[in-house]
N, C-alpha and C. Protein backbone atom coordinates (compact mmCIF):
# COMPACT_ATOMS: atom_id res chain seq x y z
N MET A 1 56.18 117.14 75.36
CA MET A 1 56.23 115.70 75.41
C MET A 1 56.21 115.26 76.86
N THR A 2 55.49 114.20 77.10
CA THR A 2 55.45 113.65 78.46
C THR A 2 56.30 112.40 78.52
N ASN A 3 56.76 112.12 79.69
CA ASN A 3 57.58 110.93 79.90
C ASN A 3 56.66 109.79 80.31
N ASP A 4 56.42 108.86 79.38
CA ASP A 4 55.50 107.75 79.62
C ASP A 4 56.19 106.54 80.24
N ARG A 5 57.45 106.67 80.56
CA ARG A 5 58.18 105.53 81.15
C ARG A 5 57.72 105.35 82.58
N ARG A 6 57.33 104.14 82.89
CA ARG A 6 56.94 103.84 84.27
C ARG A 6 58.17 103.39 85.04
N SER A 7 58.17 103.69 86.31
CA SER A 7 59.28 103.22 87.13
C SER A 7 59.12 101.73 87.36
N PRO A 8 60.21 101.01 87.49
CA PRO A 8 60.11 99.56 87.70
C PRO A 8 59.43 99.25 89.03
N PRO A 9 58.77 98.11 89.10
CA PRO A 9 58.07 97.75 90.34
C PRO A 9 59.06 97.53 91.49
N PRO A 10 58.60 97.68 92.73
CA PRO A 10 59.48 97.45 93.88
C PRO A 10 60.01 96.02 93.88
N LEU A 11 61.15 95.86 94.53
CA LEU A 11 61.78 94.56 94.61
C LEU A 11 61.19 93.72 95.74
N ASP A 12 61.32 92.42 95.59
CA ASP A 12 61.03 91.49 96.68
C ASP A 12 62.21 90.52 96.75
N ALA A 13 62.14 89.54 97.61
CA ALA A 13 63.28 88.63 97.82
C ALA A 13 63.69 87.90 96.53
N ALA A 14 62.72 87.43 95.77
CA ALA A 14 63.02 86.68 94.55
C ALA A 14 63.67 87.58 93.50
N LYS A 15 63.15 88.79 93.34
CA LYS A 15 63.71 89.71 92.35
C LYS A 15 65.11 90.16 92.75
N LEU A 16 65.33 90.36 94.05
CA LEU A 16 66.65 90.76 94.52
C LEU A 16 67.67 89.65 94.26
N GLU A 17 67.27 88.42 94.49
CA GLU A 17 68.16 87.30 94.23
C GLU A 17 68.45 87.18 92.73
N ALA A 18 67.45 87.41 91.90
CA ALA A 18 67.66 87.38 90.45
C ALA A 18 68.63 88.48 90.03
N LEU A 19 68.51 89.67 90.63
CA LEU A 19 69.45 90.75 90.34
C LEU A 19 70.87 90.36 90.75
N ALA A 20 70.99 89.74 91.91
CA ALA A 20 72.30 89.31 92.40
C ALA A 20 72.92 88.28 91.45
N LEU A 21 72.13 87.31 91.03
CA LEU A 21 72.65 86.29 90.10
C LEU A 21 73.07 86.91 88.77
N ARG A 22 72.27 87.81 88.28
CA ARG A 22 72.59 88.48 87.01
C ARG A 22 73.90 89.27 87.14
N TYR A 23 74.07 89.94 88.28
CA TYR A 23 75.27 90.74 88.51
C TYR A 23 76.52 89.88 88.57
N VAL A 24 76.46 88.78 89.33
CA VAL A 24 77.66 87.93 89.45
C VAL A 24 77.95 87.16 88.17
N GLU A 25 76.95 86.97 87.34
CA GLU A 25 77.23 86.29 86.07
C GLU A 25 77.88 87.24 85.08
N ARG A 26 77.62 88.53 85.21
CA ARG A 26 78.17 89.51 84.27
C ARG A 26 79.51 90.10 84.70
N PHE A 27 79.74 90.23 86.01
CA PHE A 27 80.92 90.95 86.49
C PHE A 27 81.71 90.14 87.50
N ALA A 28 83.02 90.28 87.46
CA ALA A 28 83.86 89.78 88.54
C ALA A 28 83.66 90.76 89.69
N THR A 29 83.32 90.28 90.85
CA THR A 29 82.96 91.17 91.93
C THR A 29 83.36 90.60 93.28
N THR A 30 83.12 91.38 94.32
CA THR A 30 83.38 90.96 95.69
C THR A 30 82.06 90.98 96.46
N ARG A 31 82.10 90.38 97.65
CA ARG A 31 80.90 90.41 98.50
C ARG A 31 80.48 91.84 98.80
N GLY A 32 81.44 92.69 99.12
CA GLY A 32 81.14 94.08 99.45
C GLY A 32 80.53 94.84 98.30
N LYS A 33 81.09 94.67 97.10
CA LYS A 33 80.54 95.37 95.94
C LYS A 33 79.15 94.87 95.61
N LEU A 34 78.92 93.57 95.71
CA LEU A 34 77.59 93.03 95.44
C LEU A 34 76.59 93.54 96.45
N ALA A 35 76.94 93.54 97.73
CA ALA A 35 76.03 94.04 98.77
C ALA A 35 75.71 95.51 98.54
N SER A 36 76.71 96.29 98.16
CA SER A 36 76.51 97.71 97.89
C SER A 36 75.57 97.91 96.69
N TYR A 37 75.77 97.13 95.64
CA TYR A 37 74.92 97.20 94.46
C TYR A 37 73.47 96.86 94.80
N LEU A 38 73.29 95.78 95.56
CA LEU A 38 71.93 95.37 95.92
C LEU A 38 71.25 96.40 96.82
N ALA A 39 71.98 96.97 97.76
CA ALA A 39 71.41 97.99 98.64
C ALA A 39 70.99 99.22 97.82
N ARG A 40 71.79 99.58 96.82
CA ARG A 40 71.44 100.71 95.95
C ARG A 40 70.17 100.42 95.16
N LYS A 41 70.04 99.21 94.66
CA LYS A 41 68.84 98.84 93.90
C LYS A 41 67.60 98.89 94.79
N VAL A 42 67.73 98.45 96.04
CA VAL A 42 66.60 98.50 96.98
C VAL A 42 66.22 99.96 97.24
N ARG A 43 67.21 100.83 97.42
CA ARG A 43 66.93 102.26 97.63
C ARG A 43 66.24 102.87 96.42
N GLU A 44 66.69 102.51 95.22
CA GLU A 44 66.14 103.10 94.00
C GLU A 44 64.72 102.61 93.71
N ARG A 45 64.46 101.34 93.90
CA ARG A 45 63.19 100.75 93.47
C ARG A 45 62.20 100.53 94.60
N GLY A 46 62.65 100.54 95.83
CA GLY A 46 61.74 100.27 96.94
C GLY A 46 61.69 98.78 97.23
N TRP A 47 60.87 98.44 98.23
CA TRP A 47 60.83 97.06 98.69
C TRP A 47 59.43 96.65 99.08
N THR A 48 59.07 95.41 98.78
CA THR A 48 57.81 94.83 99.25
C THR A 48 58.12 93.47 99.86
N GLY A 49 57.37 93.09 100.85
CA GLY A 49 57.56 91.78 101.47
C GLY A 49 58.51 91.83 102.64
N ALA A 50 58.89 90.63 103.08
CA ALA A 50 59.79 90.50 104.23
C ALA A 50 61.17 91.05 103.86
N PRO A 51 61.79 91.81 104.76
CA PRO A 51 63.09 92.41 104.44
C PRO A 51 64.20 91.35 104.29
N VAL A 52 65.12 91.63 103.37
CA VAL A 52 66.27 90.77 103.13
C VAL A 52 67.52 91.65 103.21
N ASP A 53 68.52 91.17 103.93
CA ASP A 53 69.77 91.91 104.07
C ASP A 53 70.65 91.64 102.84
N PRO A 54 71.01 92.68 102.07
CA PRO A 54 71.87 92.47 100.90
C PRO A 54 73.21 91.83 101.25
N ALA A 55 73.76 92.13 102.41
CA ALA A 55 75.05 91.54 102.81
C ALA A 55 74.91 90.04 103.01
N GLU A 56 73.79 89.61 103.59
CA GLU A 56 73.56 88.16 103.77
C GLU A 56 73.42 87.46 102.42
N LEU A 57 72.73 88.12 101.49
CA LEU A 57 72.58 87.55 100.15
C LEU A 57 73.95 87.44 99.47
N ALA A 58 74.80 88.46 99.63
CA ALA A 58 76.14 88.43 99.05
C ALA A 58 76.97 87.32 99.69
N ASP A 59 76.83 87.13 101.00
CA ASP A 59 77.55 86.05 101.69
C ASP A 59 77.09 84.68 101.18
N ARG A 60 75.80 84.57 100.92
CA ARG A 60 75.27 83.31 100.39
C ARG A 60 75.81 83.03 99.00
N MET A 61 75.92 84.08 98.17
CA MET A 61 76.49 83.91 96.83
C MET A 61 77.96 83.47 96.93
N ALA A 62 78.67 84.01 97.91
CA ALA A 62 80.06 83.60 98.12
C ALA A 62 80.11 82.15 98.60
N GLY A 63 79.17 81.76 99.45
CA GLY A 63 79.11 80.39 99.93
C GLY A 63 78.83 79.40 98.81
N LEU A 64 78.09 79.83 97.82
CA LEU A 64 77.78 78.98 96.67
C LEU A 64 78.94 78.94 95.66
N GLY A 65 79.94 79.80 95.88
CA GLY A 65 81.10 79.80 94.99
C GLY A 65 80.98 80.76 93.83
N TYR A 66 79.97 81.59 93.81
CA TYR A 66 79.81 82.56 92.73
C TYR A 66 80.74 83.75 92.90
N ILE A 67 81.17 83.99 94.12
CA ILE A 67 82.07 85.11 94.44
C ILE A 67 83.22 84.56 95.26
N ASN A 68 84.44 85.00 94.95
CA ASN A 68 85.61 84.64 95.74
C ASN A 68 86.48 85.88 95.86
N ASP A 69 86.42 86.53 97.01
CA ASP A 69 87.16 87.78 97.21
C ASP A 69 88.66 87.58 97.07
N GLY A 70 89.18 86.45 97.51
CA GLY A 70 90.62 86.20 97.42
C GLY A 70 91.09 86.11 95.97
N LEU A 71 90.35 85.38 95.15
CA LEU A 71 90.71 85.27 93.74
C LEU A 71 90.53 86.60 93.02
N PHE A 72 89.49 87.35 93.38
CA PHE A 72 89.27 88.67 92.79
C PHE A 72 90.47 89.57 93.11
N ALA A 73 90.88 89.58 94.38
CA ALA A 73 92.01 90.42 94.80
C ALA A 73 93.28 90.03 94.07
N GLU A 74 93.50 88.73 93.95
CA GLU A 74 94.70 88.25 93.26
C GLU A 74 94.71 88.68 91.80
N ALA A 75 93.60 88.52 91.12
CA ALA A 75 93.52 88.89 89.70
C ALA A 75 93.67 90.39 89.51
N ARG A 76 93.00 91.17 90.34
CA ARG A 76 93.09 92.63 90.22
C ARG A 76 94.51 93.11 90.50
N ALA A 77 95.13 92.58 91.55
CA ALA A 77 96.50 92.99 91.90
C ALA A 77 97.48 92.60 90.80
N ARG A 78 97.33 91.40 90.27
CA ARG A 78 98.23 90.95 89.20
C ARG A 78 98.09 91.84 87.97
N SER A 79 96.86 92.18 87.63
CA SER A 79 96.61 93.04 86.48
C SER A 79 97.22 94.43 86.67
N LEU A 80 97.00 95.02 87.83
CA LEU A 80 97.53 96.36 88.08
C LEU A 80 99.05 96.36 88.15
N THR A 81 99.62 95.34 88.77
CA THR A 81 101.08 95.25 88.88
C THR A 81 101.70 95.08 87.50
N ARG A 82 101.10 94.26 86.68
CA ARG A 82 101.61 94.04 85.32
C ARG A 82 101.56 95.33 84.50
N ARG A 83 100.55 96.17 84.75
CA ARG A 83 100.42 97.44 84.03
C ARG A 83 101.32 98.53 84.59
N GLY A 84 102.03 98.25 85.70
CA GLY A 84 103.01 99.19 86.20
C GLY A 84 102.58 99.98 87.43
N TYR A 85 101.52 99.56 88.10
CA TYR A 85 101.07 100.26 89.29
C TYR A 85 101.76 99.70 90.53
N GLY A 86 102.00 100.56 91.50
CA GLY A 86 102.69 100.19 92.72
C GLY A 86 101.73 99.68 93.79
N VAL A 87 102.32 99.29 94.92
CA VAL A 87 101.56 98.68 96.01
C VAL A 87 100.48 99.62 96.55
N ARG A 88 100.81 100.88 96.70
CA ARG A 88 99.83 101.83 97.24
C ARG A 88 98.60 101.92 96.34
N ARG A 89 98.81 101.95 95.05
CA ARG A 89 97.70 102.05 94.10
C ARG A 89 96.89 100.74 94.07
N VAL A 90 97.57 99.62 94.17
CA VAL A 90 96.89 98.32 94.22
C VAL A 90 96.03 98.25 95.48
N SER A 91 96.57 98.71 96.60
CA SER A 91 95.84 98.72 97.86
C SER A 91 94.59 99.58 97.75
N GLN A 92 94.70 100.73 97.12
CA GLN A 92 93.55 101.61 96.95
C GLN A 92 92.47 100.94 96.09
N ALA A 93 92.89 100.26 95.04
CA ALA A 93 91.93 99.59 94.17
C ALA A 93 91.20 98.47 94.90
N LEU A 94 91.92 97.73 95.73
CA LEU A 94 91.29 96.64 96.48
C LEU A 94 90.34 97.19 97.54
N ARG A 95 90.72 98.29 98.16
CA ARG A 95 89.82 98.92 99.14
C ARG A 95 88.56 99.43 98.46
N ALA A 96 88.70 100.01 97.29
CA ALA A 96 87.54 100.52 96.55
C ALA A 96 86.62 99.38 96.13
N ALA A 97 87.17 98.19 95.94
CA ALA A 97 86.38 97.02 95.56
C ALA A 97 85.83 96.29 96.78
N HIS A 98 86.01 96.86 97.96
CA HIS A 98 85.51 96.29 99.21
C HIS A 98 86.14 94.93 99.54
N VAL A 99 87.40 94.76 99.19
CA VAL A 99 88.11 93.53 99.54
C VAL A 99 88.59 93.68 100.98
N GLU A 100 88.32 92.68 101.81
CA GLU A 100 88.70 92.76 103.21
C GLU A 100 90.19 92.51 103.38
N GLU A 101 90.73 92.97 104.53
CA GLU A 101 92.17 92.88 104.81
C GLU A 101 92.71 91.47 104.68
N ASP A 102 91.96 90.48 105.17
CA ASP A 102 92.44 89.09 105.13
C ASP A 102 92.69 88.62 103.69
N ASP A 103 91.84 89.04 102.78
CA ASP A 103 92.00 88.64 101.39
C ASP A 103 93.03 89.50 100.66
N ALA A 104 93.21 90.74 101.11
CA ALA A 104 94.11 91.66 100.43
C ALA A 104 95.57 91.49 100.85
N ALA A 105 95.81 91.10 102.09
CA ALA A 105 97.18 91.05 102.62
C ALA A 105 98.14 90.20 101.77
N PRO A 106 97.80 88.96 101.42
CA PRO A 106 98.77 88.17 100.64
C PRO A 106 99.09 88.76 99.28
N VAL A 107 98.10 89.33 98.61
CA VAL A 107 98.37 89.88 97.28
C VAL A 107 99.14 91.19 97.37
N LEU A 108 98.96 91.94 98.44
CA LEU A 108 99.74 93.16 98.61
C LEU A 108 101.21 92.82 98.88
N GLU A 109 101.46 91.73 99.62
CA GLU A 109 102.84 91.28 99.83
C GLU A 109 103.47 90.89 98.49
N GLN A 110 102.71 90.22 97.67
CA GLN A 110 103.22 89.81 96.35
C GLN A 110 103.50 91.04 95.49
N SER A 111 102.62 92.04 95.53
CA SER A 111 102.83 93.27 94.77
C SER A 111 104.08 94.00 95.26
N ALA A 112 104.30 93.99 96.57
CA ALA A 112 105.49 94.64 97.13
C ALA A 112 106.75 93.93 96.65
N ALA A 113 106.69 92.60 96.55
CA ALA A 113 107.84 91.83 96.09
C ALA A 113 108.16 92.12 94.62
N GLU A 114 107.16 92.51 93.86
CA GLU A 114 107.33 92.79 92.43
C GLU A 114 107.41 94.28 92.14
N ALA A 115 107.75 95.09 93.15
CA ALA A 115 107.74 96.55 93.00
C ALA A 115 108.67 97.03 91.89
N LEU A 116 109.88 96.49 91.85
CA LEU A 116 110.84 96.94 90.84
C LEU A 116 110.36 96.59 89.43
N SER A 117 109.93 95.37 89.23
CA SER A 117 109.47 94.99 87.88
C SER A 117 108.24 95.78 87.47
N SER A 118 107.38 96.07 88.43
CA SER A 118 106.19 96.88 88.15
C SER A 118 106.58 98.30 87.76
N ALA A 119 107.51 98.90 88.51
CA ALA A 119 107.96 100.26 88.21
C ALA A 119 108.66 100.31 86.86
N LEU A 120 109.41 99.27 86.56
CA LEU A 120 110.07 99.22 85.25
C LEU A 120 109.06 99.07 84.12
N ALA A 121 107.99 98.35 84.37
CA ALA A 121 106.94 98.23 83.34
C ALA A 121 106.33 99.59 83.04
N LEU A 122 106.07 100.38 84.09
CA LEU A 122 105.53 101.73 83.88
C LEU A 122 106.55 102.59 83.15
N ALA A 123 107.81 102.53 83.56
CA ALA A 123 108.86 103.33 82.92
C ALA A 123 109.01 102.94 81.44
N ARG A 124 108.92 101.65 81.15
CA ARG A 124 109.02 101.19 79.76
C ARG A 124 107.86 101.73 78.94
N ARG A 125 106.66 101.64 79.51
CA ARG A 125 105.47 102.10 78.79
C ARG A 125 105.50 103.61 78.56
N ARG A 126 105.96 104.36 79.55
CA ARG A 126 105.98 105.83 79.46
C ARG A 126 107.31 106.39 78.94
N ARG A 127 108.29 105.49 78.71
CA ARG A 127 109.62 105.86 78.20
C ARG A 127 110.35 106.81 79.15
N PHE A 128 110.37 106.39 80.42
CA PHE A 128 111.10 107.13 81.46
C PHE A 128 112.46 106.50 81.66
N GLY A 129 113.40 107.30 82.18
CA GLY A 129 114.69 106.80 82.65
C GLY A 129 115.41 105.91 81.67
N PRO A 130 115.58 104.63 82.01
CA PRO A 130 116.38 103.74 81.15
C PRO A 130 115.73 103.46 79.80
N PHE A 131 114.48 103.79 79.64
CA PHE A 131 113.78 103.50 78.39
C PHE A 131 113.58 104.75 77.53
N ALA A 132 114.16 105.86 77.96
CA ALA A 132 114.08 107.12 77.21
C ALA A 132 115.10 107.11 76.07
N GLN A 133 114.86 107.95 75.09
CA GLN A 133 115.81 108.07 73.97
C GLN A 133 117.02 108.95 74.37
N VAL A 134 116.70 110.02 75.11
CA VAL A 134 117.73 110.95 75.57
C VAL A 134 117.50 111.22 77.06
N PRO A 135 118.54 111.59 77.80
CA PRO A 135 118.34 111.91 79.22
C PRO A 135 117.37 113.08 79.39
N ALA A 136 116.55 113.00 80.41
CA ALA A 136 115.55 114.04 80.66
C ALA A 136 116.18 115.20 81.42
N ASP A 137 115.64 116.42 81.21
CA ASP A 137 116.10 117.56 81.99
C ASP A 137 115.44 117.51 83.38
N ASP A 138 115.83 118.41 84.27
CA ASP A 138 115.35 118.37 85.65
C ASP A 138 113.83 118.46 85.75
N ARG A 139 113.25 119.38 85.01
CA ARG A 139 111.79 119.56 85.09
C ARG A 139 111.05 118.31 84.60
N THR A 140 111.51 117.73 83.53
CA THR A 140 110.89 116.51 83.00
C THR A 140 111.03 115.37 84.00
N ARG A 141 112.22 115.28 84.61
CA ARG A 141 112.43 114.23 85.62
C ARG A 141 111.47 114.39 86.79
N GLU A 142 111.25 115.63 87.23
CA GLU A 142 110.30 115.88 88.32
C GLU A 142 108.90 115.41 87.94
N ARG A 143 108.50 115.69 86.72
CA ARG A 143 107.17 115.25 86.25
C ARG A 143 107.09 113.73 86.15
N GLN A 144 108.16 113.11 85.72
CA GLN A 144 108.18 111.66 85.62
C GLN A 144 108.11 111.02 87.01
N ILE A 145 108.83 111.59 87.97
CA ILE A 145 108.77 111.08 89.34
C ILE A 145 107.35 111.24 89.87
N ALA A 146 106.74 112.39 89.61
CA ALA A 146 105.36 112.62 90.06
C ALA A 146 104.40 111.59 89.46
N ALA A 147 104.60 111.26 88.19
CA ALA A 147 103.75 110.25 87.55
C ALA A 147 103.93 108.89 88.21
N MET A 148 105.15 108.55 88.56
CA MET A 148 105.39 107.27 89.21
C MET A 148 104.83 107.26 90.62
N LEU A 149 104.87 108.39 91.30
CA LEU A 149 104.26 108.47 92.64
C LEU A 149 102.74 108.31 92.55
N ARG A 150 102.13 108.93 91.55
CA ARG A 150 100.68 108.77 91.36
C ARG A 150 100.31 107.33 91.04
N ALA A 151 101.24 106.62 90.41
CA ALA A 151 101.00 105.21 90.08
C ALA A 151 101.21 104.30 91.29
N GLY A 152 101.60 104.89 92.43
CA GLY A 152 101.68 104.11 93.66
C GLY A 152 103.06 103.61 94.03
N HIS A 153 104.09 104.10 93.39
CA HIS A 153 105.45 103.67 93.70
C HIS A 153 106.07 104.56 94.78
N SER A 154 107.06 104.04 95.48
CA SER A 154 107.74 104.82 96.50
C SER A 154 108.62 105.87 95.84
N PHE A 155 108.90 106.93 96.59
CA PHE A 155 109.72 108.02 96.04
C PHE A 155 111.12 107.52 95.69
N THR A 156 111.71 106.71 96.55
CA THR A 156 113.08 106.24 96.30
C THR A 156 113.16 105.41 95.03
N LEU A 157 112.19 104.53 94.85
CA LEU A 157 112.18 103.69 93.66
C LEU A 157 111.93 104.54 92.42
N ALA A 158 111.00 105.47 92.50
CA ALA A 158 110.70 106.34 91.35
C ALA A 158 111.93 107.16 90.96
N ARG A 159 112.58 107.74 91.95
CA ARG A 159 113.77 108.56 91.67
C ARG A 159 114.88 107.70 91.06
N ARG A 160 115.06 106.50 91.60
CA ARG A 160 116.11 105.61 91.11
C ARG A 160 115.90 105.25 89.64
N ILE A 161 114.67 105.01 89.26
CA ILE A 161 114.39 104.63 87.87
C ILE A 161 114.46 105.83 86.94
N VAL A 162 113.86 106.93 87.35
CA VAL A 162 113.84 108.11 86.49
C VAL A 162 115.24 108.68 86.29
N GLN A 163 116.11 108.58 87.28
CA GLN A 163 117.46 109.12 87.16
C GLN A 163 118.43 108.19 86.44
N ALA A 164 117.98 106.99 86.12
CA ALA A 164 118.84 106.06 85.39
C ALA A 164 119.07 106.59 83.97
N ALA A 165 120.27 106.41 83.50
CA ALA A 165 120.60 106.85 82.14
C ALA A 165 119.92 105.93 81.12
N PRO A 166 119.60 106.47 79.94
CA PRO A 166 118.99 105.64 78.91
C PRO A 166 119.82 104.38 78.64
N GLY A 167 119.18 103.24 78.66
CA GLY A 167 119.84 101.97 78.41
C GLY A 167 120.38 101.29 79.65
N GLU A 168 120.42 101.98 80.80
CA GLU A 168 120.93 101.39 82.04
C GLU A 168 119.78 101.02 82.96
N VAL A 169 119.28 99.83 82.83
CA VAL A 169 118.13 99.36 83.62
C VAL A 169 118.58 98.99 85.02
N PRO A 170 118.01 99.63 86.06
CA PRO A 170 118.38 99.27 87.44
C PRO A 170 118.01 97.83 87.76
N GLU A 171 118.86 97.18 88.55
CA GLU A 171 118.59 95.81 88.94
C GLU A 171 118.62 95.68 90.44
N GLY A 172 118.25 94.50 90.94
CA GLY A 172 118.33 94.21 92.37
C GLY A 172 117.15 94.72 93.15
N ASP A 173 117.32 94.68 94.49
CA ASP A 173 116.23 95.12 95.34
C ASP A 173 116.21 96.63 95.44
N GLN A 174 115.16 97.14 96.06
CA GLN A 174 114.93 98.57 96.11
C GLN A 174 115.94 99.23 96.99
């Protein structure tokens, strides 16, 4: 059998803009992610006509209000924090989404302020520490602490929650 599929024609400025519009209408994104996507499409399909910088096109989409990195960062951080992820993990997710420091800083401060409630959400979901039926043995506690560290929480906070007796929910600051 032969592969009769033809490769798509090379992109030009109009097609690249259409791709950008389609992408922002389908996905919540950032300027960096959109520019990266467009650059990949240009590499895959080739280019004809006058060159267009994908980063400039992404900036233009942001100027039109189709992209807002600050709102994206806020929504992503809120979602991750609510699911029980710590500041370090939220920071990694925002970096992976190409959110710049200026947009990430306020939401990371907010995530840090909610560290205890976030860690408790993870403990509740995974039935660690105060949400366990019975106290965990040493090996299980080590694994639970490791899970909380992977979720981006500090060691002190993870240890404090995992070592809490069932039914005794830690309160106050870290």
